[in-house]
Structures are given as C-alpha cells and as structure tokens.
C-alpha cells in the first residue's frame, strides 16, 4: 500500500492506495473506492478517488451533525 494525500478547503486528508491488475484501489476512513487507470498515472487516479471519498465522508459527518 502507498500513501496518498489531498488538500480540500484547507484540510489535509491522507489515505492509502494500491495498484492491482490495471485498477487503483483507494482506502480512507473505512471506505473503499476503485477504478481502472488506463493511460492516466495511478497516483493521479488515487488522488481523484481520495478526493471523492473525503467529500463523501465529510458530507456524511455534516448530515449526522445536523440531525
């Protein structure tokens, strides 16, 4: 597993990813997301997937906080 990091709205998030048979698998906060990477470098796809996961987790936190 390799670390991957993104910054969203001034907050830094760190997850991990691995490359398996043409796919990138990203792990963050008990969430997993994967995609094929084709001609795009796996590191780029890992950052994109981590960004998506972070937004999903943060939206869930906001929803629970307002309930």
N, C-alpha and C. Protein backbone atom coordinates (compact mmCIF):
# COMPACT_ATOMS: atom_id res chain seq x y z
N UNK A 1 0.85 -1.17 0.00
CA UNK A 1 0.00 0.00 0.00
C UNK A 1 0.89 1.24 0.00
N UNK A 2 0.41 2.24 -0.69
CA UNK A 2 1.14 3.50 -0.79
C UNK A 2 0.27 4.62 -0.22
N UNK A 3 0.89 5.60 0.41
CA UNK A 3 0.11 6.73 0.92
C UNK A 3 -0.31 7.66 -0.21
N UNK A 4 -1.46 8.30 -0.03
CA UNK A 4 -1.94 9.32 -0.97
C UNK A 4 -2.55 10.43 -0.14
N UNK A 5 -2.31 11.67 -0.56
CA UNK A 5 -2.74 12.82 0.23
C UNK A 5 -3.37 13.86 -0.67
N UNK A 6 -4.44 14.49 -0.17
CA UNK A 6 -5.09 15.60 -0.89
C UNK A 6 -5.40 16.70 0.12
N UNK A 7 -5.56 17.91 -0.40
CA UNK A 7 -5.99 19.04 0.42
C UNK A 7 -7.29 19.57 -0.15
N UNK A 8 -8.30 19.66 0.71
CA UNK A 8 -9.62 20.14 0.31
C UNK A 8 -10.05 21.22 1.30
N UNK A 9 -10.33 22.39 0.80
CA UNK A 9 -10.78 23.51 1.64
C UNK A 9 -9.85 23.75 2.83
N UNK A 10 -8.55 23.64 2.60
CA UNK A 10 -7.57 23.89 3.65
C UNK A 10 -7.33 22.73 4.60
N UNK A 11 -8.05 21.62 4.43
CA UNK A 11 -7.86 20.43 5.26
C UNK A 11 -7.10 19.38 4.48
N UNK A 12 -6.13 18.76 5.15
CA UNK A 12 -5.32 17.72 4.52
C UNK A 12 -5.86 16.35 4.91
N UNK A 13 -6.02 15.49 3.93
CA UNK A 13 -6.53 14.14 4.14
C UNK A 13 -5.52 13.14 3.60
N UNK A 14 -5.32 12.05 4.33
CA UNK A 14 -4.38 11.02 3.91
C UNK A 14 -5.09 9.68 3.87
N UNK A 15 -4.92 8.98 2.78
CA UNK A 15 -5.45 7.64 2.62
C UNK A 15 -4.35 6.74 2.11
N UNK A 16 -4.71 5.60 1.62
CA UNK A 16 -3.72 4.71 1.02
C UNK A 16 -4.32 4.09 -0.23
N UNK A 17 -3.44 3.63 -1.11
CA UNK A 17 -3.91 3.01 -2.33
C UNK A 17 -2.97 1.90 -2.76
N UNK A 18 -3.49 1.05 -3.61
CA UNK A 18 -2.66 0.02 -4.24
C UNK A 18 -3.11 -0.15 -5.67
N UNK A 19 -2.22 -0.69 -6.46
CA UNK A 19 -2.49 -0.93 -7.88
C UNK A 19 -2.52 -2.44 -8.09
N UNK A 20 -3.62 -2.92 -8.65
CA UNK A 20 -3.79 -4.35 -8.88
C UNK A 20 -4.39 -4.56 -10.27
N UNK A 21 -3.66 -5.24 -11.13
CA UNK A 21 -4.16 -5.64 -12.45
C UNK A 21 -4.89 -4.52 -13.20
N UNK A 22 -4.25 -3.36 -13.30
CA UNK A 22 -4.84 -2.26 -14.06
C UNK A 22 -5.87 -1.44 -13.33
N UNK A 23 -6.06 -1.71 -12.04
CA UNK A 23 -7.00 -0.95 -11.22
C UNK A 23 -6.29 -0.26 -10.07
N UNK A 24 -6.84 0.87 -9.65
CA UNK A 24 -6.36 1.58 -8.47
C UNK A 24 -7.43 1.43 -7.40
N UNK A 25 -7.02 1.00 -6.21
CA UNK A 25 -7.94 0.83 -5.09
C UNK A 25 -7.51 1.79 -3.99
N UNK A 26 -8.43 2.65 -3.53
CA UNK A 26 -8.13 3.65 -2.51
C UNK A 26 -8.92 3.35 -1.25
N UNK A 27 -8.25 3.52 -0.10
CA UNK A 27 -8.85 3.27 1.21
C UNK A 27 -8.78 4.55 2.04
N UNK A 28 -9.91 4.92 2.65
CA UNK A 28 -9.95 6.09 3.52
C UNK A 28 -11.14 5.97 4.46
N UNK A 29 -10.90 6.10 5.76
CA UNK A 29 -11.96 6.13 6.78
C UNK A 29 -13.00 5.03 6.59
N UNK A 30 -12.54 3.80 6.55
CA UNK A 30 -13.38 2.61 6.38
C UNK A 30 -14.18 2.61 5.08
N UNK A 31 -13.77 3.41 4.12
CA UNK A 31 -14.39 3.45 2.79
C UNK A 31 -13.37 2.95 1.76
N UNK A 32 -13.87 2.39 0.69
CA UNK A 32 -13.02 1.91 -0.40
C UNK A 32 -13.63 2.33 -1.72
N UNK A 33 -12.78 2.71 -2.64
CA UNK A 33 -13.24 3.06 -3.98
C UNK A 33 -12.18 2.57 -4.97
N UNK A 34 -12.61 2.12 -6.15
CA UNK A 34 -11.64 1.66 -7.13
C UNK A 34 -12.07 2.04 -8.54
N UNK A 35 -11.09 2.07 -9.43
CA UNK A 35 -11.33 2.33 -10.85
C UNK A 35 -10.15 1.82 -11.65
N UNK A 36 -10.33 1.66 -12.94
CA UNK A 36 -9.20 1.35 -13.80
C UNK A 36 -8.47 2.64 -14.11
N UNK A 37 -7.18 2.54 -14.41
CA UNK A 37 -6.43 3.77 -14.63
C UNK A 37 -5.98 3.99 -16.06
N UNK A 38 -6.07 3.03 -16.94
CA UNK A 38 -5.76 3.23 -18.35
C UNK A 38 -4.48 4.00 -18.59
N UNK A 39 -4.57 5.12 -19.32
CA UNK A 39 -3.40 5.92 -19.65
C UNK A 39 -3.05 6.94 -18.57
N UNK A 40 -3.93 7.14 -17.61
CA UNK A 40 -3.68 8.08 -16.51
C UNK A 40 -2.82 7.40 -15.46
N UNK A 41 -1.84 8.12 -14.93
CA UNK A 41 -0.96 7.54 -13.91
C UNK A 41 -1.78 7.12 -12.69
N UNK A 42 -1.46 5.99 -12.08
CA UNK A 42 -2.20 5.50 -10.91
C UNK A 42 -2.25 6.52 -9.77
N UNK A 43 -1.16 7.30 -9.58
CA UNK A 43 -1.13 8.29 -8.50
C UNK A 43 -2.19 9.36 -8.71
N UNK A 44 -2.40 9.75 -9.95
CA UNK A 44 -3.40 10.77 -10.28
C UNK A 44 -4.80 10.23 -9.99
N UNK A 45 -5.06 9.01 -10.41
CA UNK A 45 -6.37 8.41 -10.14
C UNK A 45 -6.59 8.22 -8.64
N UNK A 46 -5.53 7.86 -7.91
CA UNK A 46 -5.66 7.68 -6.46
C UNK A 46 -6.04 8.99 -5.79
N UNK A 47 -5.44 10.10 -6.20
CA UNK A 47 -5.80 11.41 -5.62
C UNK A 47 -7.25 11.77 -5.95
N UNK A 48 -7.66 11.49 -7.17
CA UNK A 48 -9.04 11.78 -7.58
C UNK A 48 -10.03 10.97 -6.74
N UNK A 49 -9.74 9.68 -6.57
CA UNK A 49 -10.62 8.82 -5.79
C UNK A 49 -10.63 9.23 -4.32
N UNK A 50 -9.47 9.59 -3.78
CA UNK A 50 -9.41 10.03 -2.39
C UNK A 50 -10.23 11.31 -2.19
N UNK A 51 -10.14 12.23 -3.13
CA UNK A 51 -10.94 13.46 -3.05
C UNK A 51 -12.42 13.12 -2.99
N UNK A 52 -12.85 12.21 -3.83
CA UNK A 52 -14.25 11.79 -3.85
C UNK A 52 -14.66 11.16 -2.51
N UNK A 53 -13.81 10.28 -1.98
CA UNK A 53 -14.11 9.64 -0.70
C UNK A 53 -14.16 10.66 0.44
N UNK A 54 -13.24 11.61 0.45
CA UNK A 54 -13.22 12.63 1.51
C UNK A 54 -14.49 13.46 1.49
N UNK A 55 -14.92 13.85 0.32
CA UNK A 55 -16.16 14.64 0.21
C UNK A 55 -17.36 13.83 0.70
N UNK A 56 -17.38 12.54 0.39
CA UNK A 56 -18.47 11.67 0.83
C UNK A 56 -18.49 11.55 2.36
N UNK A 57 -17.33 11.33 2.96
CA UNK A 57 -17.23 11.18 4.42
C UNK A 57 -17.60 12.49 5.11
N UNK A 58 -17.11 13.62 4.60
CA UNK A 58 -17.42 14.92 5.20
C UNK A 58 -18.91 15.24 5.09
N UNK A 59 -19.53 14.91 3.96
CA UNK A 59 -20.97 15.14 3.79
C UNK A 59 -21.76 14.31 4.80
N UNK A 60 -21.33 13.09 5.02
CA UNK A 60 -22.00 12.22 5.99
C UNK A 60 -21.87 12.79 7.40
N UNK A 61 -20.68 13.33 7.74
CA UNK A 61 -20.48 13.95 9.06
C UNK A 61 -21.40 15.15 9.24
N UNK A 62 -21.51 15.99 8.20
CA UNK A 62 -22.39 17.16 8.29
C UNK A 62 -23.84 16.75 8.46
N UNK A 63 -24.24 15.70 7.75
CA UNK A 63 -25.62 15.23 7.84
C UNK A 63 -25.93 14.75 9.26
N UNK A 64 -25.01 13.99 9.85
CA UNK A 64 -25.23 13.48 11.21
C UNK A 64 -25.18 14.60 12.24
N UNK A 65 -24.37 15.62 12.00
CA UNK A 65 -24.26 16.75 12.95
C UNK A 65 -25.54 17.58 12.96
N UNK A 66 -26.21 17.66 11.82
CA UNK A 66 -27.43 18.48 11.74
C UNK A 66 -28.68 17.71 12.18
N UNK A 67 -28.55 16.41 12.37
CA UNK A 67 -29.71 15.59 12.78
C UNK A 67 -30.02 15.72 14.24
